[in-house]
PDB file of N, CA and C in Angstrom:
ATOM      1  N   UNK A   1     -17.971   9.095   4.889  1.00  0.00           N
ATOM      2  CA  UNK A   1     -18.986   8.074   5.053  1.00  0.00           C
ATOM      3  C   UNK A   1     -18.293   6.721   5.242  1.00  0.00           C
ATOM      4  N   UNK A   2     -18.675   5.999   6.249  1.00  0.00           N
ATOM      5  CA  UNK A   2     -18.110   4.681   6.494  1.00  0.00           C
ATOM      6  C   UNK A   2     -18.965   3.607   5.815  1.00  0.00           C
ATOM      7  N   UNK A   3     -18.280   2.610   5.279  1.00  0.00           N
ATOM      8  CA  UNK A   3     -18.957   1.482   4.651  1.00  0.00           C
ATOM      9  C   UNK A   3     -18.342   0.210   5.190  1.00  0.00           C
ATOM     10  N   UNK A   4     -19.113  -0.847   5.173  1.00  0.00           N
ATOM     11  CA  UNK A   4     -18.592  -2.148   5.566  1.00  0.00           C
ATOM     12  C   UNK A   4     -18.106  -2.868   4.316  1.00  0.00           C
ATOM     13  N   UNK A   5     -16.867  -3.310   4.354  1.00  0.00           N
ATOM     14  CA  UNK A   5     -16.253  -4.007   3.223  1.00  0.00           C
ATOM     15  C   UNK A   5     -15.832  -5.389   3.721  1.00  0.00           C
ATOM     16  N   UNK A   6     -16.041  -6.404   2.915  1.00  0.00           N
ATOM     17  CA  UNK A   6     -15.691  -7.772   3.309  1.00  0.00           C
ATOM     18  C   UNK A   6     -14.626  -8.339   2.386  1.00  0.00           C
ATOM     19  N   UNK A   7     -13.804  -9.205   2.963  1.00  0.00           N
ATOM     20  CA  UNK A   7     -12.794  -9.928   2.204  1.00  0.00           C
ATOM     21  C   UNK A   7     -12.812 -11.367   2.699  1.00  0.00           C
ATOM     22  N   UNK A   8     -12.655 -12.286   1.775  1.00  0.00           N
ATOM     23  CA  UNK A   8     -12.605 -13.700   2.142  1.00  0.00           C
ATOM     24  C   UNK A   8     -11.179 -14.206   2.002  1.00  0.00           C
ATOM     25  N   UNK A   9     -10.661 -14.786   3.084  1.00  0.00           N
ATOM     26  CA  UNK A   9      -9.319 -15.356   3.098  1.00  0.00           C
ATOM     27  C   UNK A   9      -9.431 -16.763   3.666  1.00  0.00           C
ATOM     28  N   UNK A  10      -9.034 -17.759   2.888  1.00  0.00           N
ATOM     29  CA  UNK A  10      -9.098 -19.158   3.293  1.00  0.00           C
ATOM     30  C   UNK A  10     -10.500 -19.565   3.743  1.00  0.00           C
ATOM     31  N   UNK A  11     -11.489 -19.092   3.026  1.00  0.00           N
ATOM     32  CA  UNK A  11     -12.866 -19.464   3.324  1.00  0.00           C
ATOM     33  C   UNK A  11     -13.488 -18.722   4.496  1.00  0.00           C
ATOM     34  N   UNK A  12     -12.735 -17.849   5.135  1.00  0.00           N
ATOM     35  CA  UNK A  12     -13.241 -17.066   6.266  1.00  0.00           C
ATOM     36  C   UNK A  12     -13.478 -15.638   5.787  1.00  0.00           C
ATOM     37  N   UNK A  13     -14.654 -15.099   6.068  1.00  0.00           N
ATOM     38  CA  UNK A  13     -14.994 -13.745   5.659  1.00  0.00           C
ATOM     39  C   UNK A  13     -14.654 -12.778   6.789  1.00  0.00           C
ATOM     40  N   UNK A  14     -13.927 -11.716   6.443  1.00  0.00           N
ATOM     41  CA  UNK A  14     -13.582 -10.654   7.386  1.00  0.00           C
ATOM     42  C   UNK A  14     -14.209  -9.365   6.887  1.00  0.00           C
ATOM     43  N   UNK A  15     -14.840  -8.640   7.789  1.00  0.00           N
ATOM     44  CA  UNK A  15     -15.497  -7.392   7.440  1.00  0.00           C
ATOM     45  C   UNK A  15     -14.841  -6.261   8.212  1.00  0.00           C
ATOM     46  N   UNK A  16     -14.598  -5.146   7.514  1.00  0.00           N
ATOM     47  CA  UNK A  16     -13.999  -3.986   8.169  1.00  0.00           C
ATOM     48  C   UNK A  16     -14.713  -2.725   7.727  1.00  0.00           C
ATOM     49  N   UNK A  17     -14.567  -1.694   8.546  1.00  0.00           N
ATOM     50  CA  UNK A  17     -15.151  -0.396   8.213  1.00  0.00           C
ATOM     51  C   UNK A  17     -14.149   0.383   7.376  1.00  0.00           C
ATOM     52  N   UNK A  18     -14.639   0.934   6.295  1.00  0.00           N
ATOM     53  CA  UNK A  18     -13.772   1.697   5.402  1.00  0.00           C
ATOM     54  C   UNK A  18     -14.319   3.111   5.266  1.00  0.00           C
ATOM     55  N   UNK A  19     -13.422   4.047   5.392  1.00  0.00           N
ATOM     56  CA  UNK A  19     -13.786   5.450   5.157  1.00  0.00           C
ATOM     57  C   UNK A  19     -13.364   5.794   3.744  1.00  0.00           C
ATOM     58  N   UNK A  20     -14.046   6.735   3.142  1.00  0.00           N
ATOM     59  CA  UNK A  20     -13.643   7.172   1.813  1.00  0.00           C
ATOM     60  C   UNK A  20     -14.396   6.458   0.718  1.00  0.00           C
ATOM     61  N   UNK A  21     -13.792   6.477  -0.444  1.00  0.00           N
ATOM     62  CA  UNK A  21     -14.444   5.949  -1.633  1.00  0.00           C
ATOM     63  C   UNK A  21     -14.476   4.426  -1.631  1.00  0.00           C
ATOM     64  N   UNK A  22     -15.571   3.903  -2.120  1.00  0.00           N
ATOM     65  CA  UNK A  22     -15.738   2.458  -2.206  1.00  0.00           C
ATOM     66  C   UNK A  22     -14.682   1.866  -3.125  1.00  0.00           C
ATOM     67  N   UNK A  23     -14.378   2.531  -4.221  1.00  0.00           N
ATOM     68  CA  UNK A  23     -13.412   1.986  -5.175  1.00  0.00           C
ATOM     69  C   UNK A  23     -12.047   1.809  -4.525  1.00  0.00           C
ATOM     70  N   UNK A  24     -11.654   2.720  -3.643  1.00  0.00           N
ATOM     71  CA  UNK A  24     -10.372   2.587  -2.952  1.00  0.00           C
ATOM     72  C   UNK A  24     -10.410   1.397  -1.995  1.00  0.00           C
ATOM     73  N   UNK A  25     -11.506   1.230  -1.289  1.00  0.00           N
ATOM     74  CA  UNK A  25     -11.645   0.100  -0.379  1.00  0.00           C
ATOM     75  C   UNK A  25     -11.593  -1.217  -1.138  1.00  0.00           C
ATOM     76  N   UNK A  26     -12.225  -1.246  -2.298  1.00  0.00           N
ATOM     77  CA  UNK A  26     -12.189  -2.452  -3.118  1.00  0.00           C
ATOM     78  C   UNK A  26     -10.774  -2.722  -3.626  1.00  0.00           C
ATOM     79  N   UNK A  27     -10.023  -1.666  -3.920  1.00  0.00           N
ATOM     80  CA  UNK A  27      -8.624  -1.849  -4.323  1.00  0.00           C
ATOM     81  C   UNK A  27      -7.823  -2.478  -3.193  1.00  0.00           C
ATOM     82  N   UNK A  28      -8.074  -2.024  -1.966  1.00  0.00           N
ATOM     83  CA  UNK A  28      -7.385  -2.576  -0.796  1.00  0.00           C
ATOM     84  C   UNK A  28      -7.706  -4.062  -0.671  1.00  0.00           C
ATOM     85  N   UNK A  29      -8.975  -4.414  -0.761  1.00  0.00           N
ATOM     86  CA  UNK A  29      -9.392  -5.814  -0.650  1.00  0.00           C
ATOM     87  C   UNK A  29      -8.731  -6.648  -1.741  1.00  0.00           C
ATOM     88  N   UNK A  30      -8.758  -6.158  -2.967  1.00  0.00           N
ATOM     89  CA  UNK A  30      -8.155  -6.894  -4.076  1.00  0.00           C
ATOM     90  C   UNK A  30      -6.649  -7.032  -3.904  1.00  0.00           C
ATOM     91  N   UNK A  31      -6.012  -5.992  -3.402  1.00  0.00           N
ATOM     92  CA  UNK A  31      -4.567  -6.031  -3.182  1.00  0.00           C
ATOM     93  C   UNK A  31      -4.207  -7.069  -2.126  1.00  0.00           C
ATOM     94  N   UNK A  32      -4.912  -7.030  -0.989  1.00  0.00           N
ATOM     95  CA  UNK A  32      -4.634  -7.984   0.086  1.00  0.00           C
ATOM     96  C   UNK A  32      -4.905  -9.413  -0.391  1.00  0.00           C
ATOM     97  N   UNK A  33      -6.036  -9.621  -1.042  1.00  0.00           N
ATOM     98  CA  UNK A  33      -6.361 -10.961  -1.541  1.00  0.00           C
ATOM     99  C   UNK A  33      -5.305 -11.437  -2.529  1.00  0.00           C
ATOM    100  N   UNK A  34      -4.833 -10.540  -3.384  1.00  0.00           N
ATOM    101  CA  UNK A  34      -3.794 -10.898  -4.343  1.00  0.00           C
ATOM    102  C   UNK A  34      -2.486 -11.254  -3.660  1.00  0.00           C
ATOM    103  N   UNK A  35      -2.135 -10.502  -2.622  1.00  0.00           N
ATOM    104  CA  UNK A  35      -0.907 -10.783  -1.885  1.00  0.00           C
ATOM    105  C   UNK A  35      -0.993 -12.129  -1.156  1.00  0.00           C
ATOM    106  N   UNK A  36      -2.165 -12.425  -0.600  1.00  0.00           N
ATOM    107  CA  UNK A  36      -2.351 -13.725   0.070  1.00  0.00           C
ATOM    108  C   UNK A  36      -2.225 -14.849  -0.954  1.00  0.00           C
ATOM    109  N   UNK A  37      -2.834 -14.685  -2.100  1.00  0.00           N
ATOM    110  CA  UNK A  37      -2.768 -15.718  -3.141  1.00  0.00           C
ATOM    111  C   UNK A  37      -1.341 -15.888  -3.642  1.00  0.00           C
ATOM    112  N   UNK A  38      -0.634 -14.782  -3.826  1.00  0.00           N
ATOM    113  CA  UNK A  38       0.755 -14.846  -4.280  1.00  0.00           C
ATOM    114  C   UNK A  38       1.628 -15.561  -3.245  1.00  0.00           C
ATOM    115  N   UNK A  39       1.409 -15.252  -1.976  1.00  0.00           N
ATOM    116  CA  UNK A  39       2.176 -15.908  -0.899  1.00  0.00           C
ATOM    117  C   UNK A  39       1.845 -17.389  -0.835  1.00  0.00           C
ATOM    118  N   UNK A  40       0.574 -17.741  -1.009  1.00  0.00           N
ATOM    119  CA  UNK A  40       0.158 -19.144  -0.979  1.00  0.00           C
ATOM    120  C   UNK A  40       0.810 -19.916  -2.118  1.00  0.00           C
ATOM    121  N   UNK A  41       0.838 -19.311  -3.290  1.00  0.00           N
ATOM    122  CA  UNK A  41       1.420 -19.975  -4.455  1.00  0.00           C
ATOM    123  C   UNK A  41       2.938 -20.132  -4.319  1.00  0.00           C
ATOM    124  N   UNK A  42       3.587 -19.217  -3.601  1.00  0.00           N
ATOM    125  CA  UNK A  42       5.046 -19.250  -3.471  1.00  0.00           C
ATOM    126  C   UNK A  42       5.520 -20.156  -2.339  1.00  0.00           C
ATOM    127  N   UNK A  43       4.644 -20.471  -1.403  1.00  0.00           N
ATOM    128  CA  UNK A  43       5.054 -21.249  -0.238  1.00  0.00           C
ATOM    129  C   UNK A  43       5.275 -22.709  -0.617  1.00  0.00           C
ATOM    130  N   UNK A  44       6.309 -23.293  -0.039  1.00  0.00           N
ATOM    131  CA  UNK A  44       6.593 -24.708  -0.302  1.00  0.00           C
ATOM    132  C   UNK A  44       5.556 -25.603   0.364  1.00  0.00           C
ATOM    133  N   UNK A  45       5.229 -25.311   1.597  1.00  0.00           N
ATOM    134  CA  UNK A  45       4.195 -26.052   2.329  1.00  0.00           C
ATOM    135  C   UNK A  45       3.254 -25.011   2.927  1.00  0.00           C
ATOM    136  N   UNK A  46       2.308 -24.558   2.117  1.00  0.00           N
ATOM    137  CA  UNK A  46       1.516 -23.391   2.514  1.00  0.00           C
ATOM    138  C   UNK A  46       0.525 -23.645   3.645  1.00  0.00           C
ATOM    139  N   UNK A  47       0.955 -23.354   4.867  1.00  0.00           N
ATOM    140  CA  UNK A  47       0.025 -23.343   5.982  1.00  0.00           C
ATOM    141  C   UNK A  47      -0.662 -21.990   6.013  1.00  0.00           C
ATOM    142  N   UNK A  48      -1.832 -21.915   6.566  1.00  0.00           N
ATOM    143  CA  UNK A  48      -2.584 -20.660   6.584  1.00  0.00           C
ATOM    144  C   UNK A  48      -1.824 -19.546   7.281  1.00  0.00           C
ATOM    145  N   UNK A  49      -1.315 -19.817   8.469  1.00  0.00           N
ATOM    146  CA  UNK A  49      -0.617 -18.781   9.220  1.00  0.00           C
ATOM    147  C   UNK A  49       0.639 -18.326   8.485  1.00  0.00           C
ATOM    148  N   UNK A  50       1.424 -19.281   7.981  1.00  0.00           N
ATOM    149  CA  UNK A  50       2.632 -18.930   7.240  1.00  0.00           C
ATOM    150  C   UNK A  50       2.301 -18.073   6.025  1.00  0.00           C
ATOM    151  N   UNK A  51       1.243 -18.432   5.329  1.00  0.00           N
ATOM    152  CA  UNK A  51       0.835 -17.700   4.135  1.00  0.00           C
ATOM    153  C   UNK A  51       0.434 -16.277   4.477  1.00  0.00           C
ATOM    154  N   UNK A  52      -0.357 -16.125   5.519  1.00  0.00           N
ATOM    155  CA  UNK A  52      -0.813 -14.790   5.905  1.00  0.00           C
ATOM    156  C   UNK A  52       0.355 -13.936   6.402  1.00  0.00           C
ATOM    157  N   UNK A  53       1.275 -14.539   7.152  1.00  0.00           N
ATOM    158  CA  UNK A  53       2.445 -13.787   7.618  1.00  0.00           C
ATOM    159  C   UNK A  53       3.302 -13.361   6.429  1.00  0.00           C
ATOM    160  N   UNK A  54       3.533 -14.254   5.474  1.00  0.00           N
ATOM    161  CA  UNK A  54       4.302 -13.902   4.291  1.00  0.00           C
ATOM    162  C   UNK A  54       3.615 -12.783   3.503  1.00  0.00           C
ATOM    163  N   UNK A  55       2.304 -12.864   3.360  1.00  0.00           N
ATOM    164  CA  UNK A  55       1.564 -11.804   2.665  1.00  0.00           C
ATOM    165  C   UNK A  55       1.712 -10.478   3.416  1.00  0.00           C
ATOM    166  N   UNK A  56       1.621 -10.514   4.748  1.00  0.00           N
ATOM    167  CA  UNK A  56       1.769  -9.294   5.550  1.00  0.00           C
ATOM    168  C   UNK A  56       3.164  -8.703   5.387  1.00  0.00           C
ATOM    169  N   UNK A  57       4.176  -9.554   5.357  1.00  0.00           N
ATOM    170  CA  UNK A  57       5.541  -9.070   5.159  1.00  0.00           C
ATOM    171  C   UNK A  57       5.710  -8.455   3.774  1.00  0.00           C
ATOM    172  N   UNK A  58       5.111  -9.070   2.765  1.00  0.00           N
ATOM    173  CA  UNK A  58       5.168  -8.505   1.409  1.00  0.00           C
ATOM    174  C   UNK A  58       4.461  -7.155   1.346  1.00  0.00           C
ATOM    175  N   UNK A  59       3.315  -7.047   2.001  1.00  0.00           N
ATOM    176  CA  UNK A  59       2.577  -5.782   2.028  1.00  0.00           C
ATOM    177  C   UNK A  59       3.382  -4.716   2.761  1.00  0.00           C
ATOM    178  N   UNK A  60       3.988  -5.079   3.896  1.00  0.00           N
ATOM    179  CA  UNK A  60       4.816  -4.127   4.646  1.00  0.00           C
ATOM    180  C   UNK A  60       6.010  -3.681   3.808  1.00  0.00           C
ATOM    181  N   UNK A  61       6.627  -4.616   3.092  1.00  0.00           N
ATOM    182  CA  UNK A  61       7.751  -4.263   2.231  1.00  0.00           C
ATOM    183  C   UNK A  61       7.318  -3.272   1.151  1.00  0.00           C
ATOM    184  N   UNK A  62       6.181  -3.534   0.513  1.00  0.00           N
ATOM    185  CA  UNK A  62       5.656  -2.607  -0.497  1.00  0.00           C
ATOM    186  C   UNK A  62       5.409  -1.231   0.112  1.00  0.00           C
ATOM    187  N   UNK A  63       4.846  -1.209   1.318  1.00  0.00           N
ATOM    188  CA  UNK A  63       4.560   0.054   2.000  1.00  0.00           C
ATOM    189  C   UNK A  63       5.845   0.847   2.231  1.00  0.00           C
ATOM    190  N   UNK A  64       6.880   0.184   2.761  1.00  0.00           N
ATOM    191  CA  UNK A  64       8.116   0.891   3.056  1.00  0.00           C
ATOM    192  C   UNK A  64       8.829   1.344   1.784  1.00  0.00           C
ATOM    193  N   UNK A  65       8.739   0.567   0.716  1.00  0.00           N
ATOM    194  CA  UNK A  65       9.302   1.000  -0.559  1.00  0.00           C
ATOM    195  C   UNK A  65       8.582   2.243  -1.065  1.00  0.00           C
ATOM    196  N   UNK A  66       7.254   2.238  -0.994  1.00  0.00           N
ATOM    197  CA  UNK A  66       6.473   3.388  -1.446  1.00  0.00           C
ATOM    198  C   UNK A  66       6.728   4.609  -0.565  1.00  0.00           C
ATOM    199  N   UNK A  67       6.835   4.393   0.731  1.00  0.00           N
ATOM    200  CA  UNK A  67       7.096   5.507   1.648  1.00  0.00           C
ATOM    201  C   UNK A  67       8.457   6.121   1.340  1.00  0.00           C
ATOM    202  N   UNK A  68       9.459   5.272   1.074  1.00  0.00           N
ATOM    203  CA  UNK A  68      10.775   5.785   0.706  1.00  0.00           C
ATOM    204  C   UNK A  68      10.738   6.556  -0.600  1.00  0.00           C
ATOM    205  N   UNK A  69       9.994   6.040  -1.576  1.00  0.00           N
ATOM    206  CA  UNK A  69       9.858   6.739  -2.860  1.00  0.00           C
ATOM    207  C   UNK A  69       9.172   8.089  -2.683  1.00  0.00           C
ATOM    208  N   UNK A  70       8.160   8.135  -1.834  1.00  0.00           N
ATOM    209  CA  UNK A  70       7.462   9.390  -1.573  1.00  0.00           C
ATOM    210  C   UNK A  70       8.392  10.393  -0.903  1.00  0.00           C
ATOM    211  N   UNK A  71       9.181   9.934   0.062  1.00  0.00           N
ATOM    212  CA  UNK A  71      10.125  10.830   0.734  1.00  0.00           C
ATOM    213  C   UNK A  71      11.151  11.365  -0.263  1.00  0.00           C
ATOM    214  N   UNK A  72      11.627  10.511  -1.168  1.00  0.00           N
ATOM    215  CA  UNK A  72      12.566  10.960  -2.203  1.00  0.00           C
ATOM    216  C   UNK A  72      11.921  12.003  -3.107  1.00  0.00           C
ATOM    217  N   UNK A  73      10.683  11.766  -3.488  1.00  0.00           N
ATOM    218  CA  UNK A  73       9.961  12.703  -4.350  1.00  0.00           C
ATOM    219  C   UNK A  73       9.765  14.042  -3.648  1.00  0.00           C
ATOM    220  N   UNK A  74       9.385  14.017  -2.382  1.00  0.00           N
ATOM    221  CA  UNK A  74       9.179  15.259  -1.630  1.00  0.00           C
ATOM    222  C   UNK A  74      10.495  16.035  -1.532  1.00  0.00           C
ATOM    223  N   UNK A  75      11.601  15.347  -1.267  1.00  0.00           N
ATOM    224  CA  UNK A  75      12.910  16.014  -1.204  1.00  0.00           C
ATOM    225  C   UNK A  75      13.265  16.637  -2.551  1.00  0.00           C
ATOM    226  N   UNK A  76      12.994  15.897  -3.636  1.00  0.00           N
ATOM    227  CA  UNK A  76      13.292  16.405  -4.976  1.00  0.00           C
ATOM    228  C   UNK A  76      12.460  17.639  -5.295  1.00  0.00           C
ATOM    229  N   UNK A  77      11.179  17.594  -5.007  1.00  0.00           N
ATOM    230  CA  UNK A  77      10.302  18.735  -5.268  1.00  0.00           C
ATOM    231  C   UNK A  77      10.733  19.925  -4.411  1.00  0.00           C
ATOM    232  N   UNK A  78      11.060  19.669  -3.151  1.00  0.00           N
ATOM    233  CA  UNK A  78      11.516  20.736  -2.256  1.00  0.00           C
ATOM    234  C   UNK A  78      12.786  21.389  -2.795  1.00  0.00           C
ATOM    235  N   UNK A  79      13.735  20.573  -3.238  1.00  0.00           N
ATOM    236  CA  UNK A  79      14.986  21.106  -3.786  1.00  0.00           C
ATOM    237  C   UNK A  79      14.724  21.928  -5.046  1.00  0.00           C
ATOM    238  N   UNK A  80      13.856  21.432  -5.911  1.00  0.00           N
ATOM    239  CA  UNK A  80      13.539  22.169  -7.143  1.00  0.00           C
ATOM    240  C   UNK A  80      12.848  23.492  -6.833  1.00  0.00           C
ATOM    241  N   UNK A  81      11.975  23.491  -5.838  1.00  0.00           N
ATOM    242  CA  UNK A  81      11.299  24.734  -5.439  1.00  0.00           C
ATOM    243  C   UNK A  81      12.303  25.749  -4.923  1.00  0.00           C
ATOM    244  N   UNK A  82      13.248  25.292  -4.104  1.00  0.00           N
ATOM    245  CA  UNK A  82      14.286  26.190  -3.585  1.00  0.00           C
ATOM    246  C   UNK A  82      15.105  26.775  -4.727  1.00  0.00           C
ATOM    247  N   UNK A  83      15.473  25.940  -5.706  1.00  0.00           N
ATOM    248  CA  UNK A  83      16.242  26.439  -6.849  1.00  0.00           C
ATOM    249  C   UNK A  83      15.437  27.453  -7.655  1.00  0.00           C
ATOM    250  N   UNK A  84      14.154  27.194  -7.846  1.00  0.00           N
ATOM    251  CA  UNK A  84      13.304  28.146  -8.567  1.00  0.00           C
ATOM    252  C   UNK A  84      13.187  29.475  -7.819  1.00  0.00           C
ATOM    253  N   UNK A  85      13.019  29.397  -6.515  1.00  0.00           N
ATOM    254  CA  UNK A  85      12.928  30.617  -5.712  1.00  0.00           C
ATOM    255  C   UNK A  85      14.224  31.409  -5.798  1.00  0.00           C
ATOM    256  N   UNK A  86      15.361  30.713  -5.708  1.00  0.00           N
ATOM    257  CA  UNK A  86      16.652  31.378  -5.824  1.00  0.00           C
ATOM    258  C   UNK A  86      16.785  32.028  -7.200  1.00  0.00           C
ATOM    259  N   UNK A  87      16.359  31.329  -8.238  1.00  0.00           N
ATOM    260  CA  UNK A  87      16.432  31.875  -9.602  1.00  0.00           C
ATOM    261  C   UNK A  87      15.545  33.117  -9.743  1.00  0.00           C
ATOM    262  N   UNK A  88      14.326  33.026  -9.199  1.00  0.00           N
ATOM    263  CA  UNK A  88      13.400  34.167  -9.274  1.00  0.00           C
ATOM    264  C   UNK A  88      13.963  35.361  -8.503  1.00  0.00           C
ATOM    265  N   UNK A  89      14.502  35.094  -7.302  1.00  0.00           N
ATOM    266  CA  UNK A  89      15.058  36.166  -6.482  1.00  0.00           C
ATOM    267  C   UNK A  89      16.256  36.838  -7.184  1.00  0.00           C
ATOM    268  N   UNK A  90      17.067  36.025  -7.847  1.00  0.00           N
ATOM    269  CA  UNK A  90      18.258  36.554  -8.490  1.00  0.00           C
ATOM    270  C   UNK A  90      17.926  37.322  -9.766  1.00  0.00           C
ATOM    271  N   UNK A  91      16.826  36.943 -10.404  1.00  0.00           N
ATOM    272  CA  UNK A  91      16.488  37.559 -11.700  1.00  0.00           C
ATOM    273  C   UNK A  91      15.207  38.385 -11.654  1.00  0.00           C
ATOM    274  N   UNK A  92      14.634  38.557 -10.483  1.00  0.00           N
ATOM    275  CA  UNK A  92      13.328  39.195 -10.370  1.00  0.00           C
ATOM    276  C   UNK A  92      13.401  40.635 -10.201  1.00  0.00           C
TER     277      UNK A  92
END
């Protein structure tokens, strides 16, 4: 089910279509708004464009860190599964 979700950034309201649970969409909105606020607070001379670009870079960095962590986890689980299969085959 698609829902319309709105976020306000610098007094401008943006609306997007969200699939899935409303709570997840609200988490996305809160996360983006928090990142924009964090970037605004950290900027020496916070222009709107600079702030939004910095927030986007922070979000992209978080994404790539999480993606790397997920890939590491998948490799670890895969390796453990292989070891378990080898153990079962050897002792089964």
